[in-house]
C-alpha atoms as a PDB file:
ATOM      1  CA  UNK A   1      67.125 -87.218  77.870  1.00  0.00           C
ATOM      2  CA  UNK A   2      66.553 -89.808  75.370  1.00  0.00           C
ATOM      3  CA  UNK A   3      62.735 -90.361  74.343  1.00  0.00           C
ATOM      4  CA  UNK A   4      61.302 -93.039  72.157  1.00  0.00           C
ATOM      5  CA  UNK A   5      58.464 -92.234  69.671  1.00  0.00           C
ATOM      6  CA  UNK A   6      56.422 -94.758  67.530  1.00  0.00           C
ATOM      7  CA  UNK A   7      55.812 -94.189  64.388  1.00  0.00           C
ATOM      8  CA  UNK A   8      53.264 -96.026  62.718  1.00  0.00           C
ATOM      9  CA  UNK A   9      51.364 -93.696  59.976  1.00  0.00           C
ATOM     10  CA  UNK A  10      50.880 -90.384  59.526  1.00  0.00           C
ATOM     11  CA  UNK A  11      55.336 -92.825  48.123  1.00  0.00           C
ATOM     12  CA  UNK A  12      64.053 -91.198  29.178  1.00  0.00           C
ATOM     13  CA  UNK A  13      67.582 -89.643  28.396  1.00  0.00           C
ATOM     14  CA  UNK A  14      71.023 -89.297  30.579  1.00  0.00           C
ATOM     15  CA  UNK A  15      74.475 -88.812  30.137  1.00  0.00           C
ATOM     16  CA  UNK A  16      75.929 -91.873  32.066  1.00  0.00           C
ATOM     17  CA  UNK A  17      79.681 -90.809  32.423  1.00  0.00           C
ATOM     18  CA  UNK A  18      79.874 -91.853  35.892  1.00  0.00           C
ATOM     19  CA  UNK A  19      77.207 -95.408  35.164  1.00  0.00           C
ATOM     20  CA  UNK A  20      78.616 -96.723  31.979  1.00  0.00           C
ATOM     21  CA  UNK A  21      76.727 -95.544  29.063  1.00  0.00           C
ATOM     22  CA  UNK A  22      76.142 -93.248  26.264  1.00  0.00           C
ATOM     23  CA  UNK A  23      75.653 -89.734  25.733  1.00  0.00           C
ATOM     24  CA  UNK A  24      71.982 -88.561  25.561  1.00  0.00           C
ATOM     25  CA  UNK A  25      70.359 -84.799  26.166  1.00  0.00           C
ATOM     26  CA  UNK A  26      69.989 -84.814  30.251  1.00  0.00           C
ATOM     27  CA  UNK A  27      72.811 -85.497  33.082  1.00  0.00           C
ATOM     28  CA  UNK A  28      72.929 -87.260  35.891  1.00  0.00           C
ATOM     29  CA  UNK A  29      75.724 -85.984  38.933  1.00  0.00           C
ATOM     30  CA  UNK A  30      78.530 -88.555  38.515  1.00  0.00           C
ATOM     31  CA  UNK A  31      79.118 -88.398  42.371  1.00  0.00           C
ATOM     32  CA  UNK A  32      75.130 -88.558  42.408  1.00  0.00           C
ATOM     33  CA  UNK A  33      74.532 -91.369  40.399  1.00  0.00           C
ATOM     34  CA  UNK A  34      71.969 -94.718  40.796  1.00  0.00           C
ATOM     35  CA  UNK A  35      73.836 -98.025  41.556  1.00  0.00           C
ATOM     36  CA  UNK A  36      71.391-100.041  39.904  1.00  0.00           C
ATOM     37  CA  UNK A  37      73.037 -99.735  36.040  1.00  0.00           C
ATOM     38  CA  UNK A  38      70.357-102.360  34.857  1.00  0.00           C
ATOM     39  CA  UNK A  39      67.479 -99.497  36.496  1.00  0.00           C
ATOM     40  CA  UNK A  40      69.467 -96.840  34.248  1.00  0.00           C
ATOM     41  CA  UNK A  41      69.762 -98.452  31.383  1.00  0.00           C
ATOM     42  CA  UNK A  42      65.857 -99.439  31.794  1.00  0.00           C
ATOM     43  CA  UNK A  43      65.488 -95.685  32.081  1.00  0.00           C
ATOM     44  CA  UNK A  44      67.632 -95.147  28.847  1.00  0.00           C
ATOM     45  CA  UNK A  45      65.450 -97.247  26.743  1.00  0.00           C
ATOM     46  CA  UNK A  46      62.550 -95.219  27.705  1.00  0.00           C
ATOM     47  CA  UNK A  47      60.827 -97.898  30.536  1.00  0.00           C
ATOM     48  CA  UNK A  48      58.586 -95.422  32.423  1.00  0.00           C
ATOM     49  CA  UNK A  49      58.579 -97.359  35.306  1.00  0.00           C
ATOM     50  CA  UNK A  50      62.402 -97.138  35.673  1.00  0.00           C
ATOM     51  CA  UNK A  51      62.484 -93.619  35.095  1.00  0.00           C
ATOM     52  CA  UNK A  52      59.647 -93.011  37.752  1.00  0.00           C
ATOM     53  CA  UNK A  53      61.704 -95.552  40.499  1.00  0.00           C
ATOM     54  CA  UNK A  54      64.867 -92.837  39.749  1.00  0.00           C
ATOM     55  CA  UNK A  55      62.903 -89.963  39.980  1.00  0.00           C
ATOM     56  CA  UNK A  56      61.420 -91.119  43.313  1.00  0.00           C
ATOM     57  CA  UNK A  57      65.516 -91.985  44.177  1.00  0.00           C
ATOM     58  CA  UNK A  58      66.145 -88.334  43.815  1.00  0.00           C
ATOM     59  CA  UNK A  59      63.150 -87.102  45.615  1.00  0.00           C
ATOM     60  CA  UNK A  60      63.086 -89.120  48.615  1.00  0.00           C
ATOM     61  CA  UNK A  61      67.356 -89.370  49.118  1.00  0.00           C
ATOM     62  CA  UNK A  62      67.140 -93.489  48.776  1.00  0.00           C
ATOM     63  CA  UNK A  63      70.517 -94.611  47.614  1.00  0.00           C
ATOM     64  CA  UNK A  64      71.043 -91.323  46.465  1.00  0.00           C
ATOM     65  CA  UNK A  65      71.695 -88.188  47.800  1.00  0.00           C
ATOM     66  CA  UNK A  66      68.489 -86.136  48.196  1.00  0.00           C
ATOM     67  CA  UNK A  67      67.870 -84.074  45.209  1.00  0.00           C
ATOM     68  CA  UNK A  68      65.229 -81.964  43.927  1.00  0.00           C
ATOM     69  CA  UNK A  69      65.963 -80.714  40.515  1.00  0.00           C
ATOM     70  CA  UNK A  70      67.143 -84.155  39.623  1.00  0.00           C
ATOM     71  CA  UNK A  71      63.770 -85.549  40.865  1.00  0.00           C
ATOM     72  CA  UNK A  72      62.120 -82.655  38.351  1.00  0.00           C
ATOM     73  CA  UNK A  73      64.186 -83.522  35.449  1.00  0.00           C
ATOM     74  CA  UNK A  74      62.572 -87.120  35.367  1.00  0.00           C
ATOM     75  CA  UNK A  75      59.295 -86.421  36.240  1.00  0.00           C
ATOM     76  CA  UNK A  76      59.093 -83.932  33.925  1.00  0.00           C
ATOM     77  CA  UNK A  77      60.375 -85.827  31.110  1.00  0.00           C
ATOM     78  CA  UNK A  78      57.547 -88.472  31.976  1.00  0.00           C
ATOM     79  CA  UNK A  79      54.806 -86.137  33.192  1.00  0.00           C
ATOM     80  CA  UNK A  80      54.699 -84.681  29.828  1.00  0.00           C
ATOM     81  CA  UNK A  81      53.913 -88.106  28.410  1.00  0.00           C
ATOM     82  CA  UNK A  82      51.332 -88.394  30.276  1.00  0.00           C
ATOM     83  CA  UNK A  83      52.504 -90.239  33.344  1.00  0.00           C
ATOM     84  CA  UNK A  84      49.968 -89.423  36.186  1.00  0.00           C
ATOM     85  CA  UNK A  85      52.619 -90.356  38.714  1.00  0.00           C
ATOM     86  CA  UNK A  86      55.252 -87.809  37.492  1.00  0.00           C
ATOM     87  CA  UNK A  87      51.985 -85.730  37.247  1.00  0.00           C
ATOM     88  CA  UNK A  88      51.560 -85.405  40.637  1.00  0.00           C
ATOM     89  CA  UNK A  89      54.918 -85.183  41.878  1.00  0.00           C
ATOM     90  CA  UNK A  90      54.982 -82.061  39.401  1.00  0.00           C
ATOM     91  CA  UNK A  91      52.058 -80.690  40.993  1.00  0.00           C
ATOM     92  CA  UNK A  92      53.521 -81.448  44.803  1.00  0.00           C
ATOM     93  CA  UNK A  93      57.059 -79.931  43.656  1.00  0.00           C
ATOM     94  CA  UNK A  94      55.471 -76.315  42.292  1.00  0.00           C
ATOM     95  CA  UNK A  95      52.556 -76.602  45.757  1.00  0.00           C
ATOM     96  CA  UNK A  96      55.349 -76.730  48.089  1.00  0.00           C
ATOM     97  CA  UNK A  97      58.675 -74.938  46.535  1.00  0.00           C
ATOM     98  CA  UNK A  98      61.266 -77.619  46.159  1.00  0.00           C
ATOM     99  CA  UNK A  99      63.121 -77.690  43.430  1.00  0.00           C
ATOM    100  CA  UNK A 100      60.771 -75.240  40.841  1.00  0.00           C
ATOM    101  CA  UNK A 101      59.441 -71.997  41.848  1.00  0.00           C
ATOM    102  CA  UNK A 102      56.384 -72.331  44.041  1.00  0.00           C
ATOM    103  CA  UNK A 103      53.191 -71.672  41.629  1.00  0.00           C
ATOM    104  CA  UNK A 104      49.618 -72.712  43.087  1.00  0.00           C
ATOM    105  CA  UNK A 105      48.220 -72.152  39.271  1.00  0.00           C
ATOM    106  CA  UNK A 106      51.238 -74.659  37.955  1.00  0.00           C
ATOM    107  CA  UNK A 107      50.667 -77.112  40.469  1.00  0.00           C
ATOM    108  CA  UNK A 108      46.861 -77.121  39.810  1.00  0.00           C
ATOM    109  CA  UNK A 109      47.108 -77.644  36.775  1.00  0.00           C
ATOM    110  CA  UNK A 110      49.525 -81.076  37.073  1.00  0.00           C
ATOM    111  CA  UNK A 111      47.190 -81.949  39.791  1.00  0.00           C
ATOM    112  CA  UNK A 112      44.248 -81.893  37.486  1.00  0.00           C
ATOM    113  CA  UNK A 113      46.122 -83.631  34.622  1.00  0.00           C
ATOM    114  CA  UNK A 114      46.529 -86.311  37.193  1.00  0.00           C
ATOM    115  CA  UNK A 115      43.664 -86.938  39.257  1.00  0.00           C
ATOM    116  CA  UNK A 116      41.281 -86.959  35.969  1.00  0.00           C
ATOM    117  CA  UNK A 117      44.043 -90.033  34.666  1.00  0.00           C
ATOM    118  CA  UNK A 118      44.146 -91.674  38.148  1.00  0.00           C
ATOM    119  CA  UNK A 119      40.100 -91.645  38.329  1.00  0.00           C
ATOM    120  CA  UNK A 120      40.195 -93.404  34.946  1.00  0.00           C
ATOM    121  CA  UNK A 121      42.532 -95.635  35.815  1.00  0.00           C
ATOM    122  CA  UNK A 122      41.288 -96.911  39.406  1.00  0.00           C
ATOM    123  CA  UNK A 123      37.784 -97.121  37.672  1.00  0.00           C
ATOM    124  CA  UNK A 124      39.414-100.030  35.350  1.00  0.00           C
ATOM    125  CA  UNK A 125      40.166-101.814  38.656  1.00  0.00           C
ATOM    126  CA  UNK A 126      44.115-100.498  39.251  1.00  0.00           C
ATOM    127  CA  UNK A 127      45.336-100.371  42.405  1.00  0.00           C
ATOM    128  CA  UNK A 128      48.270 -98.408  42.630  1.00  0.00           C
ATOM    129  CA  UNK A 129      45.793 -95.307  41.220  1.00  0.00           C
ATOM    130  CA  UNK A 130      43.325 -95.510  43.583  1.00  0.00           C
ATOM    131  CA  UNK A 131      45.876 -95.100  46.393  1.00  0.00           C
ATOM    132  CA  UNK A 132      46.843 -92.029  44.637  1.00  0.00           C
ATOM    133  CA  UNK A 133      43.446 -91.102  43.835  1.00  0.00           C
ATOM    134  CA  UNK A 134      42.955 -91.752  48.011  1.00  0.00           C
ATOM    135  CA  UNK A 135      45.861 -89.828  48.579  1.00  0.00           C
ATOM    136  CA  UNK A 136      44.903 -87.040  47.064  1.00  0.00           C
ATOM    137  CA  UNK A 137      41.395 -86.964  48.121  1.00  0.00           C
ATOM    138  CA  UNK A 138      43.018 -87.394  51.219  1.00  0.00           C
ATOM    139  CA  UNK A 139      45.072 -84.544  51.293  1.00  0.00           C
ATOM    140  CA  UNK A 140      42.827 -82.066  48.887  1.00  0.00           C
ATOM    141  CA  UNK A 141      44.812 -81.859  46.456  1.00  0.00           C
ATOM    142  CA  UNK A 142      43.100 -80.245  43.302  1.00  0.00           C
ATOM    143  CA  UNK A 143      39.777 -81.600  45.189  1.00  0.00           C
ATOM    144  CA  UNK A 144      38.114 -80.594  48.280  1.00  0.00           C
ATOM    145  CA  UNK A 145      39.919 -82.907  51.419  1.00  0.00           C
ATOM    146  CA  UNK A 146      37.758 -85.490  51.871  1.00  0.00           C
ATOM    147  CA  UNK A 147      38.922 -88.334  53.904  1.00  0.00           C
ATOM    148  CA  UNK A 148      36.036 -90.646  53.918  1.00  0.00           C
ATOM    149  CA  UNK A 149      36.511 -90.375  49.734  1.00  0.00           C
ATOM    150  CA  UNK A 150      40.089 -91.067  50.425  1.00  0.00           C
ATOM    151  CA  UNK A 151      38.844 -94.148  52.516  1.00  0.00           C
ATOM    152  CA  UNK A 152      36.662 -95.367  50.440  1.00  0.00           C
ATOM    153  CA  UNK A 153      39.617 -96.224  47.325  1.00  0.00           C
ATOM    154  CA  UNK A 154      42.074 -97.322  50.084  1.00  0.00           C
ATOM    155  CA  UNK A 155      39.548 -99.903  50.916  1.00  0.00           C
ATOM    156  CA  UNK A 156      38.643-100.787  47.433  1.00  0.00           C
ATOM    157  CA  UNK A 157      42.562-101.417  46.810  1.00  0.00           C
ATOM    158  CA  UNK A 158      42.832-103.280  50.006  1.00  0.00           C
ATOM    159  CA  UNK A 159      40.448-105.713  49.879  1.00  0.00           C
ATOM    160  CA  UNK A 160      42.177-106.429  46.637  1.00  0.00           C
ATOM    161  CA  UNK A 161      44.742-107.004  48.139  1.00  0.00           C
ATOM    162  CA  UNK A 162      47.547-104.518  47.977  1.00  0.00           C
ATOM    163  CA  UNK A 163      49.430-104.458  50.591  1.00  0.00           C
ATOM    164  CA  UNK A 164      50.133-100.557  50.538  1.00  0.00           C
ATOM    165  CA  UNK A 165      46.731-100.255  50.770  1.00  0.00           C
ATOM    166  CA  UNK A 166      46.334-102.802  53.621  1.00  0.00           C
ATOM    167  CA  UNK A 167      48.726-100.695  55.488  1.00  0.00           C
ATOM    168  CA  UNK A 168      46.788 -97.229  54.724  1.00  0.00           C
ATOM    169  CA  UNK A 169      44.123 -98.816  55.807  1.00  0.00           C
ATOM    170  CA  UNK A 170      44.903 -99.445  59.206  1.00  0.00           C
ATOM    171  CA  UNK A 171      46.469 -96.127  59.840  1.00  0.00           C
ATOM    172  CA  UNK A 172      43.516 -94.906  58.935  1.00  0.00           C
ATOM    173  CA  UNK A 173      41.580 -96.715  61.660  1.00  0.00           C
ATOM    174  CA  UNK A 174      44.597 -95.957  63.907  1.00  0.00           C
ATOM    175  CA  UNK A 175      44.068 -92.808  64.037  1.00  0.00           C
ATOM    176  CA  UNK A 176      40.683 -91.963  62.857  1.00  0.00           C
ATOM    177  CA  UNK A 177      40.994 -90.684  59.617  1.00  0.00           C
ATOM    178  CA  UNK A 178      37.793 -91.185  57.876  1.00  0.00           C
ATOM    179  CA  UNK A 179      36.866 -93.801  60.093  1.00  0.00           C
ATOM    180  CA  UNK A 180      35.804 -94.180  63.294  1.00  0.00           C
ATOM    181  CA  UNK A 181      39.011 -95.085  65.335  1.00  0.00           C
ATOM    182  CA  UNK A 182      39.178 -98.362  65.936  1.00  0.00           C
ATOM    183  CA  UNK A 183      42.683-100.068  67.300  1.00  0.00           C
ATOM    184  CA  UNK A 184      41.259-103.688  66.656  1.00  0.00           C
ATOM    185  CA  UNK A 185      40.540-103.088  62.965  1.00  0.00           C
ATOM    186  CA  UNK A 186      43.840-101.190  62.467  1.00  0.00           C
ATOM    187  CA  UNK A 187      45.985-104.452  63.683  1.00  0.00           C
ATOM    188  CA  UNK A 188      43.842-106.364  61.439  1.00  0.00           C
ATOM    189  CA  UNK A 189      44.936-104.417  58.329  1.00  0.00           C
ATOM    190  CA  UNK A 190      48.199-103.932  59.460  1.00  0.00           C
ATOM    191  CA  UNK A 191      48.341-107.975  59.852  1.00  0.00           C
ATOM    192  CA  UNK A 192      47.412-108.523  56.481  1.00  0.00           C
ATOM    193  CA  UNK A 193      50.408-106.070  55.244  1.00  0.00           C
ATOM    194  CA  UNK A 194      52.508-107.305  57.171  1.00  0.00           C
ATOM    195  CA  UNK A 195      52.527-110.805  56.352  1.00  0.00           C
ATOM    196  CA  UNK A 196      52.848-110.153  52.809  1.00  0.00           C
ATOM    197  CA  UNK A 197      55.980-108.049  54.010  1.00  0.00           C
ATOM    198  CA  UNK A 198      55.511-104.648  53.923  1.00  0.00           C
ATOM    199  CA  UNK A 199      58.025-103.158  56.141  1.00  0.00           C
ATOM    200  CA  UNK A 200      55.792 -99.752  57.172  1.00  0.00           C
ATOM    201  CA  UNK A 201      52.794-102.470  58.076  1.00  0.00           C
ATOM    202  CA  UNK A 202      55.411-104.649  60.237  1.00  0.00           C
ATOM    203  CA  UNK A 203      56.772-101.628  62.037  1.00  0.00           C
ATOM    204  CA  UNK A 204      53.357-100.155  62.816  1.00  0.00           C
ATOM    205  CA  UNK A 205      52.156-103.821  63.993  1.00  0.00           C
ATOM    206  CA  UNK A 206      55.182-103.667  66.127  1.00  0.00           C
ATOM    207  CA  UNK A 207      54.586-100.740  67.963  1.00  0.00           C
ATOM    208  CA  UNK A 208      51.187-102.423  68.752  1.00  0.00           C
ATOM    209  CA  UNK A 209      52.572-105.331  70.184  1.00  0.00           C
ATOM    210  CA  UNK A 210      54.695-103.179  72.551  1.00  0.00           C
ATOM    211  CA  UNK A 211      51.767-100.671  73.227  1.00  0.00           C
ATOM    212  CA  UNK A 212      49.260-102.991  73.773  1.00  0.00           C
ATOM    213  CA  UNK A 213      46.984-101.441  71.476  1.00  0.00           C
ATOM    214  CA  UNK A 214      44.394-103.579  69.544  1.00  0.00           C
ATOM    215  CA  UNK A 215      46.236-106.476  70.913  1.00  0.00           C
ATOM    216  CA  UNK A 216      47.488-107.886  73.319  1.00  0.00           C
ATOM    217  CA  UNK A 217      50.438-106.457  74.918  1.00  0.00           C
ATOM    218  CA  UNK A 218      53.929-108.663  73.953  1.00  0.00           C
ATOM    219  CA  UNK A 219      57.386-107.268  74.014  1.00  0.00           C
ATOM    220  CA  UNK A 220      58.079-110.453  72.256  1.00  0.00           C
ATOM    221  CA  UNK A 221      55.960-109.599  69.143  1.00  0.00           C
ATOM    222  CA  UNK A 222      57.037-106.308  69.110  1.00  0.00           C
ATOM    223  CA  UNK A 223      60.624-107.007  68.731  1.00  0.00           C
ATOM    224  CA  UNK A 224      59.753-110.051  66.467  1.00  0.00           C
ATOM    225  CA  UNK A 225      57.821-107.658  63.962  1.00  0.00           C
ATOM    226  CA  UNK A 226      60.428-104.431  64.129  1.00  0.00           C
ATOM    227  CA  UNK A 227      62.918-106.973  63.360  1.00  0.00           C
ATOM    228  CA  UNK A 228      61.710-107.951  60.142  1.00  0.00           C
ATOM    229  CA  UNK A 229      60.812-104.509  59.313  1.00  0.00           C
ATOM    230  CA  UNK A 230      64.197-103.346  60.120  1.00  0.00           C
ATOM    231  CA  UNK A 231      65.862-105.971  58.479  1.00  0.00           C
ATOM    232  CA  UNK A 232      63.977-104.375  55.090  1.00  0.00           C
ATOM    233  CA  UNK A 233      65.494-100.949  56.200  1.00  0.00           C
ATOM    234  CA  UNK A 234      62.650 -99.403  57.524  1.00  0.00           C
ATOM    235  CA  UNK A 235      64.155 -96.789  59.965  1.00  0.00           C
ATOM    236  CA  UNK A 236      60.927 -96.113  62.164  1.00  0.00           C
ATOM    237  CA  UNK A 237      61.531 -99.803  62.957  1.00  0.00           C
ATOM    238  CA  UNK A 238      65.280-100.003  63.489  1.00  0.00           C
ATOM    239  CA  UNK A 239      65.229 -97.124  65.758  1.00  0.00           C
ATOM    240  CA  UNK A 240      62.442 -99.045  67.745  1.00  0.00           C
ATOM    241  CA  UNK A 241      64.320-102.034  67.913  1.00  0.00           C
ATOM    242  CA  UNK A 242      67.972 -99.565  68.899  1.00  0.00           C
ATOM    243  CA  UNK A 243      65.497 -98.867  71.766  1.00  0.00           C
ATOM    244  CA  UNK A 244      64.050-102.231  72.637  1.00  0.00           C
ATOM    245  CA  UNK A 245      68.038-103.371  72.853  1.00  0.00           C
ATOM    246  CA  UNK A 246      68.691-100.294  74.801  1.00  0.00           C
ATOM    247  CA  UNK A 247      66.101-100.835  77.678  1.00  0.00           C
ATOM    248  CA  UNK A 248      65.828-104.551  77.847  1.00  0.00           C
ATOM    249  CA  UNK A 249      62.143-104.741  76.118  1.00  0.00           C
ATOM    250  CA  UNK A 250      61.889-108.238  74.523  1.00  0.00           C
ATOM    251  CA  UNK A 251      65.481-108.730  74.205  1.00  0.00           C
ATOM    252  CA  UNK A 252      68.294-109.356  76.328  1.00  0.00           C
ATOM    253  CA  UNK A 253      70.056-105.430  76.920  1.00  0.00           C
ATOM    254  CA  UNK A 254      72.816-104.690  74.881  1.00  0.00           C
ATOM    255  CA  UNK A 255      73.768-101.267  74.632  1.00  0.00           C
ATOM    256  CA  UNK A 256      76.047-102.352  71.333  1.00  0.00           C
ATOM    257  CA  UNK A 257      73.435-103.621  69.275  1.00  0.00           C
ATOM    258  CA  UNK A 258      71.214-100.465  70.408  1.00  0.00           C
ATOM    259  CA  UNK A 259      73.668 -98.026  68.939  1.00  0.00           C
ATOM    260  CA  UNK A 260      73.893-100.306  65.736  1.00  0.00           C
ATOM    261  CA  UNK A 261      70.240 -99.922  65.005  1.00  0.00           C
ATOM    262  CA  UNK A 262      70.071 -96.378  66.091  1.00  0.00           C
ATOM    263  CA  UNK A 263      72.912 -95.541  63.413  1.00  0.00           C
ATOM    264  CA  UNK A 264      70.558 -97.325  60.992  1.00  0.00           C
ATOM    265  CA  UNK A 265      68.147 -95.104  61.254  1.00  0.00           C
ATOM    266  CA  UNK A 266      70.151 -92.209  62.200  1.00  0.00           C
ATOM    267  CA  UNK A 267      71.774 -92.481  58.692  1.00  0.00           C
ATOM    268  CA  UNK A 268      68.517 -92.721  56.998  1.00  0.00           C
ATOM    269  CA  UNK A 269      67.605 -89.089  58.570  1.00  0.00           C
ATOM    270  CA  UNK A 270      65.129 -90.426  61.506  1.00  0.00           C
ATOM    271  CA  UNK A 271      65.159 -87.584  63.867  1.00  0.00           C
ATOM    272  CA  UNK A 272      64.262 -89.783  66.939  1.00  0.00           C
ATOM    273  CA  UNK A 273      67.423 -91.770  66.285  1.00  0.00           C
ATOM    274  CA  UNK A 274      69.547 -89.275  65.620  1.00  0.00           C
ATOM    275  CA  UNK A 275      68.374 -88.060  68.989  1.00  0.00           C
ATOM    276  CA  UNK A 276      68.966 -91.177  70.858  1.00  0.00           C
ATOM    277  CA  UNK A 277      72.332 -91.878  69.084  1.00  0.00           C
ATOM    278  CA  UNK A 278      74.013 -88.286  70.484  1.00  0.00           C
ATOM    279  CA  UNK A 279      73.168 -89.101  73.532  1.00  0.00           C
ATOM    280  CA  UNK A 280      74.307 -92.516  73.204  1.00  0.00           C
ATOM    281  CA  UNK A 281      77.936 -90.688  72.466  1.00  0.00           C
ATOM    282  CA  UNK A 282      77.307 -88.082  75.245  1.00  0.00           C
ATOM    283  CA  UNK A 283      77.082 -90.483  77.686  1.00  0.00           C
ATOM    284  CA  UNK A 284      79.244 -93.323  76.457  1.00  0.00           C
ATOM    285  CA  UNK A 285      76.168 -95.715  76.166  1.00  0.00           C
ATOM    286  CA  UNK A 286      77.429 -98.506  73.651  1.00  0.00           C
ATOM    287  CA  UNK A 287      80.193 -96.481  72.128  1.00  0.00           C
ATOM    288  CA  UNK A 288      82.918 -94.820  73.476  1.00  0.00           C
ATOM    289  CA  UNK A 289      81.799 -91.348  74.496  1.00  0.00           C
ATOM    290  CA  UNK A 290      82.275 -88.310  71.944  1.00  0.00           C
ATOM    291  CA  UNK A 291      80.519 -84.905  73.082  1.00  0.00           C
ATOM    292  CA  UNK A 292      81.831 -83.779  69.161  1.00  0.00           C
ATOM    293  CA  UNK A 293      79.716 -86.873  67.993  1.00  0.00           C
ATOM    294  CA  UNK A 294      77.131 -86.308  70.288  1.00  0.00           C
ATOM    295  CA  UNK A 295      76.673 -82.663  69.003  1.00  0.00           C
ATOM    296  CA  UNK A 296      76.669 -83.715  65.574  1.00  0.00           C
ATOM    297  CA  UNK A 297      73.910 -86.058  65.682  1.00  0.00           C
ATOM    298  CA  UNK A 298      71.793 -83.705  68.181  1.00  0.00           C
ATOM    299  CA  UNK A 299      72.075 -81.212  65.555  1.00  0.00           C
ATOM    300  CA  UNK A 300      71.340 -83.695  62.817  1.00  0.00           C
ATOM    301  CA  UNK A 301      67.869 -84.058  64.794  1.00  0.00           C
ATOM    302  CA  UNK A 302      67.257 -80.410  66.119  1.00  0.00           C
ATOM    303  CA  UNK A 303      67.086 -79.640  62.313  1.00  0.00           C
ATOM    304  CA  UNK A 304      63.865 -81.258  62.000  1.00  0.00           C
ATOM    305  CA  UNK A 305      62.482 -79.602  65.241  1.00  0.00           C
ATOM    306  CA  UNK A 306      63.546 -82.918  67.863  1.00  0.00           C
ATOM    307  CA  UNK A 307      62.262 -81.222  70.911  1.00  0.00           C
ATOM    308  CA  UNK A 308      65.120 -83.338  73.110  1.00  0.00           C
ATOM    309  CA  UNK A 309      67.564 -82.478  71.282  1.00  0.00           C
ATOM    310  CA  UNK A 310      66.914 -78.728  70.758  1.00  0.00           C
ATOM    311  CA  UNK A 311      66.333 -78.639  74.632  1.00  0.00           C
ATOM    312  CA  UNK A 312      70.111 -80.321  74.699  1.00  0.00           C
ATOM    313  CA  UNK A 313      71.758 -77.840  72.593  1.00  0.00           C
ATOM    314  CA  UNK A 314      69.969 -75.366  74.039  1.00  0.00           C
ATOM    315  CA  UNK A 315      71.246 -76.194  77.282  1.00  0.00           C
ATOM    316  CA  UNK A 316      74.770 -76.357  75.758  1.00  0.00           C
ATOM    317  CA  UNK A 317      74.574 -72.703  74.687  1.00  0.00           C
ATOM    318  CA  UNK A 318      74.069 -73.953  71.085  1.00  0.00           C
ATOM    319  CA  UNK A 319      71.162 -72.693  68.993  1.00  0.00           C
ATOM    320  CA  UNK A 320      73.151 -72.563  65.794  1.00  0.00           C
ATOM    321  CA  UNK A 321      72.415 -76.458  63.854  1.00  0.00           C
ATOM    322  CA  UNK A 322      74.620 -76.004  60.961  1.00  0.00           C
END
C-alpha cells in the first residue's frame, strides 16, 4: 500500500582527462566527473568555494554518483588549508566511518578546528558560519549538545535574512527543537525563506497547507508550494506533488503526472517515492504494469528502511534487497 509522508526537516588539483584540462596530482574518475566544466576549472585554479562544491557533490551524490572517497580527496586538501567547512566534513567522515576509518580521536581534532573557526567567523557576522555553529551545537559535535545554543545562532542568521537559517528556524519551531513548538512560528519562518525561493522551505510550507498546520488548510496552496519546490528539484516536494496528482488533491487527478513526479523523486533516492513508484508499476497506475519494475523500486525503498516496501516484499517472499 502506498504511503504519503510529509518531510519538513528533520548542507586544487586533479586530472581532467574526461573533463578537458591539464593533469595534476589528484584524479577524478572519468565516468563520474562533474559536468560543470567552469566549476571544475575554478577548482583547478584553487578556488576554495568551487572545490568545496565539488566535494559536496560527491558527498551527497548531487549531479554525480555518490562517492565518499572522491569527496574526501577534496575535503582533505581544503581542510589542510584551514577551510572550516572541509574540516567539519572530514570530522564527520571519521566520526561515521564514511570513506575513512572510523576514528573519534581524528574526528574530534577536525571538529575542534572547524568549531573554533566557525565561532570566530560567526562572531564577526558570517551567516554561513552561524548556521554551521548552530548545527554543531544541535548535533553535539565537539561541544555538548545544546539545542538552545543552536537556535540562538540560527536565529541570528535568520534575522539577517539568510534563507537557509529561516528555513532551519521554521524546522525548529515545527519540531520543538530548542524552542517551544509553534506551528504558527514555523509557518512564519518557512514563508520568509520560501519567498526567497528556498526549495526546502517551499516544500515544508506546502506540507503545512496540506495538513492545516499553523495555517488554514488549503490543498490549492499546498500544490502551489510543492510545485515551486519540485521544479527546483526538491525530491520531497516532487514526491508530495506526485501524491497530490495520484489522489486529486488540489489538482485534477492524473496518474500519469503522479508517476512522472514520483519517478523524479525516486531517482534522487526518495524512499517514499520509490515505494509509491513500485506500487504504480505493480498495479499499472499511470504506467504499463511490470512486476519486475515494481520489485526493483520496492527494493530501493526497502534498502532505506521503508516499512511499506519491506512489508510488500516480505509478502512476496523477498527478503534480499540486492
